[in-house]
Amino acid sequence: MAFHIRLKELRQQQNLTIRKLSEKAGISYSVLNAIENGRTLPSKDVALALAIALRLEDRDALIDLAKNPSEG
């Protein structure tokens, strides 16, 4: 699964807006919007910040999606 698709699923499962998740993760709205719309991939640090903000137990799975987009 592509990073941006998984991210959107996780965000929606927690009833978060893009703006709210960007605030929780400490990244800008425009960057998160570009990531979620598949225009860019996050750095490892941004992927980790998103995983933490989403309170994921398996943070590495989300980070791996960011590192290996062809596996999505």
N, C-alpha and C. Protein backbone atom coordinates (compact mmCIF):
# COMPACT_ATOMS: atom_id res chain seq x y z
N MET A 1 0.84 -1.18 0.00
CA MET A 1 0.00 0.00 0.00
C MET A 1 0.89 1.25 0.00
N ALA A 2 0.50 2.24 -0.74
CA ALA A 2 1.26 3.48 -0.81
C ALA A 2 1.16 4.25 0.51
N PHE A 3 2.23 4.97 0.84
CA PHE A 3 2.29 5.72 2.09
C PHE A 3 1.11 6.66 2.24
N HIS A 4 0.83 7.44 1.19
CA HIS A 4 -0.22 8.46 1.31
C HIS A 4 -1.60 7.85 1.53
N ILE A 5 -1.83 6.69 0.94
CA ILE A 5 -3.13 6.03 1.14
C ILE A 5 -3.25 5.53 2.58
N ARG A 6 -2.19 4.91 3.07
CA ARG A 6 -2.20 4.39 4.45
C ARG A 6 -2.34 5.54 5.45
N LEU A 7 -1.62 6.63 5.20
CA LEU A 7 -1.69 7.78 6.09
C LEU A 7 -3.11 8.33 6.17
N LYS A 8 -3.75 8.46 5.03
CA LYS A 8 -5.12 8.98 5.01
C LYS A 8 -6.06 8.06 5.77
N GLU A 9 -5.91 6.74 5.58
CA GLU A 9 -6.74 5.79 6.31
C GLU A 9 -6.57 5.96 7.82
N LEU A 10 -5.32 6.01 8.25
CA LEU A 10 -5.04 6.14 9.69
C LEU A 10 -5.60 7.44 10.25
N ARG A 11 -5.43 8.52 9.50
CA ARG A 11 -5.93 9.83 9.95
C ARG A 11 -7.45 9.81 10.07
N GLN A 12 -8.12 9.25 9.07
CA GLN A 12 -9.58 9.22 9.09
C GLN A 12 -10.12 8.30 10.18
N GLN A 13 -9.41 7.21 10.47
CA GLN A 13 -9.84 6.30 11.53
C GLN A 13 -9.88 7.02 12.88
N GLN A 14 -9.02 8.02 13.03
CA GLN A 14 -8.96 8.77 14.28
C GLN A 14 -9.75 10.07 14.21
N ASN A 15 -10.51 10.24 13.14
CA ASN A 15 -11.33 11.44 12.96
C ASN A 15 -10.52 12.73 13.08
N LEU A 16 -9.34 12.73 12.47
CA LEU A 16 -8.49 13.92 12.49
C LEU A 16 -8.54 14.59 11.12
N THR A 17 -8.53 15.90 11.12
CA THR A 17 -8.38 16.64 9.87
C THR A 17 -6.89 16.69 9.55
N ILE A 18 -6.57 17.05 8.31
CA ILE A 18 -5.16 17.22 7.95
C ILE A 18 -4.54 18.29 8.83
N ARG A 19 -5.26 19.36 9.05
CA ARG A 19 -4.74 20.45 9.87
C ARG A 19 -4.45 19.98 11.31
N LYS A 20 -5.36 19.23 11.89
CA LYS A 20 -5.18 18.76 13.27
C LYS A 20 -3.99 17.80 13.36
N LEU A 21 -3.86 16.90 12.40
CA LEU A 21 -2.73 15.98 12.42
C LEU A 21 -1.42 16.73 12.22
N SER A 22 -1.42 17.73 11.36
CA SER A 22 -0.19 18.50 11.15
C SER A 22 0.22 19.21 12.44
N GLU A 23 -0.75 19.72 13.20
CA GLU A 23 -0.45 20.36 14.48
C GLU A 23 0.12 19.35 15.47
N LYS A 24 -0.51 18.18 15.55
CA LYS A 24 -0.06 17.14 16.48
C LYS A 24 1.34 16.64 16.14
N ALA A 25 1.64 16.57 14.84
CA ALA A 25 2.94 16.05 14.39
C ALA A 25 4.02 17.13 14.34
N GLY A 26 3.60 18.39 14.41
CA GLY A 26 4.57 19.49 14.36
C GLY A 26 5.12 19.74 12.97
N ILE A 27 4.30 19.48 11.96
CA ILE A 27 4.71 19.78 10.59
C ILE A 27 3.68 20.71 9.97
N SER A 28 4.05 21.36 8.89
CA SER A 28 3.13 22.33 8.31
C SER A 28 1.98 21.65 7.59
N TYR A 29 0.87 22.34 7.55
CA TYR A 29 -0.31 21.84 6.85
C TYR A 29 0.01 21.58 5.39
N SER A 30 0.72 22.50 4.75
CA SER A 30 0.98 22.35 3.31
C SER A 30 1.86 21.13 3.02
N VAL A 31 2.81 20.85 3.90
CA VAL A 31 3.65 19.66 3.72
C VAL A 31 2.82 18.40 3.89
N LEU A 32 2.01 18.35 4.93
CA LEU A 32 1.18 17.16 5.16
C LEU A 32 0.17 16.98 4.03
N ASN A 33 -0.40 18.06 3.54
CA ASN A 33 -1.33 17.98 2.42
C ASN A 33 -0.64 17.39 1.19
N ALA A 34 0.58 17.83 0.90
CA ALA A 34 1.32 17.31 -0.25
C ALA A 34 1.64 15.83 -0.06
N ILE A 35 1.98 15.43 1.15
CA ILE A 35 2.26 14.02 1.43
C ILE A 35 1.00 13.19 1.23
N GLU A 36 -0.09 13.62 1.83
CA GLU A 36 -1.32 12.83 1.78
C GLU A 36 -1.91 12.75 0.37
N ASN A 37 -1.62 13.72 -0.45
CA ASN A 37 -2.11 13.70 -1.82
C ASN A 37 -1.13 13.03 -2.78
N GLY A 38 -0.06 12.44 -2.23
CA GLY A 38 0.87 11.67 -3.03
C GLY A 38 1.83 12.48 -3.87
N ARG A 39 1.95 13.77 -3.59
CA ARG A 39 2.85 14.62 -4.36
C ARG A 39 4.29 14.53 -3.88
N THR A 40 4.48 14.07 -2.65
CA THR A 40 5.83 13.94 -2.10
C THR A 40 5.83 12.85 -1.04
N LEU A 41 7.01 12.33 -0.76
CA LEU A 41 7.16 11.36 0.32
C LEU A 41 7.80 12.05 1.51
N PRO A 42 7.45 11.65 2.70
CA PRO A 42 8.04 12.27 3.89
C PRO A 42 9.45 11.75 4.14
N SER A 43 10.23 12.56 4.82
CA SER A 43 11.52 12.08 5.32
C SER A 43 11.24 11.08 6.43
N LYS A 44 12.28 10.38 6.85
CA LYS A 44 12.12 9.43 7.96
C LYS A 44 11.64 10.16 9.21
N ASP A 45 12.19 11.35 9.48
CA ASP A 45 11.80 12.11 10.67
C ASP A 45 10.34 12.53 10.62
N VAL A 46 9.86 12.94 9.46
CA VAL A 46 8.45 13.34 9.33
C VAL A 46 7.55 12.12 9.46
N ALA A 47 7.95 10.99 8.85
CA ALA A 47 7.15 9.77 8.98
C ALA A 47 7.07 9.34 10.44
N LEU A 48 8.17 9.46 11.17
CA LEU A 48 8.18 9.12 12.60
C LEU A 48 7.28 10.06 13.38
N ALA A 49 7.35 11.35 13.08
CA ALA A 49 6.50 12.33 13.77
C ALA A 49 5.02 12.02 13.53
N LEU A 50 4.69 11.62 12.33
CA LEU A 50 3.30 11.26 12.01
C LEU A 50 2.88 10.00 12.76
N ALA A 51 3.76 9.01 12.80
CA ALA A 51 3.46 7.77 13.52
C ALA A 51 3.24 8.03 15.00
N ILE A 52 4.06 8.91 15.57
CA ILE A 52 3.91 9.27 16.99
C ILE A 52 2.60 10.02 17.20
N ALA A 53 2.31 10.98 16.33
CA ALA A 53 1.08 11.76 16.46
C ALA A 53 -0.16 10.87 16.33
N LEU A 54 -0.06 9.82 15.52
CA LEU A 54 -1.17 8.90 15.34
C LEU A 54 -1.19 7.80 16.41
N ARG A 55 -0.21 7.85 17.30
CA ARG A 55 -0.10 6.87 18.40
C ARG A 55 -0.05 5.43 17.89
N LEU A 56 0.75 5.21 16.85
CA LEU A 56 0.86 3.87 16.29
C LEU A 56 1.81 3.02 17.13
N GLU A 57 1.43 1.78 17.36
CA GLU A 57 2.32 0.86 18.06
C GLU A 57 3.45 0.42 17.15
N ASP A 58 3.13 0.12 15.88
CA ASP A 58 4.13 -0.32 14.92
C ASP A 58 4.55 0.86 14.05
N ARG A 59 5.38 1.70 14.61
CA ARG A 59 5.83 2.90 13.89
C ARG A 59 6.70 2.55 12.70
N ASP A 60 7.47 1.47 12.84
CA ASP A 60 8.38 1.09 11.76
C ASP A 60 7.64 0.76 10.47
N ALA A 61 6.44 0.21 10.57
CA ALA A 61 5.69 -0.14 9.36
C ALA A 61 5.38 1.11 8.53
N LEU A 62 5.01 2.19 9.19
CA LEU A 62 4.72 3.44 8.47
C LEU A 62 6.01 4.04 7.91
N ILE A 63 7.07 4.00 8.68
CA ILE A 63 8.36 4.52 8.22
C ILE A 63 8.85 3.72 7.01
N ASP A 64 8.68 2.40 7.06
CA ASP A 64 9.10 1.56 5.94
C ASP A 64 8.33 1.89 4.66
N LEU A 65 7.05 2.22 4.78
CA LEU A 65 6.28 2.63 3.61
C LEU A 65 6.86 3.89 2.98
N ALA A 66 7.33 4.79 3.81
CA ALA A 66 7.92 6.03 3.30
C ALA A 66 9.25 5.76 2.60
N LYS A 67 9.99 4.79 3.10
CA LYS A 67 11.31 4.48 2.54
C LYS A 67 11.21 3.63 1.27
N ASN A 68 10.15 2.84 1.16
CA ASN A 68 10.03 1.89 0.06
C ASN A 68 8.72 2.06 -0.70
N PRO A 69 8.56 3.17 -1.40
CA PRO A 69 7.27 3.43 -2.07
C PRO A 69 6.92 2.39 -3.13
N SER A 70 7.89 1.73 -3.71
CA SER A 70 7.60 0.75 -4.75
C SER A 70 6.92 -0.49 -4.19
N GLU A 71 7.02 -0.69 -2.88
CA GLU A 71 6.38 -1.83 -2.25
C GLU A 71 4.92 -1.57 -1.94
N GLY A 72 4.47 -0.33 -2.15
CA GLY A 72 3.11 0.05 -1.81
C GLY A 72 2.08 -0.40 -2.74
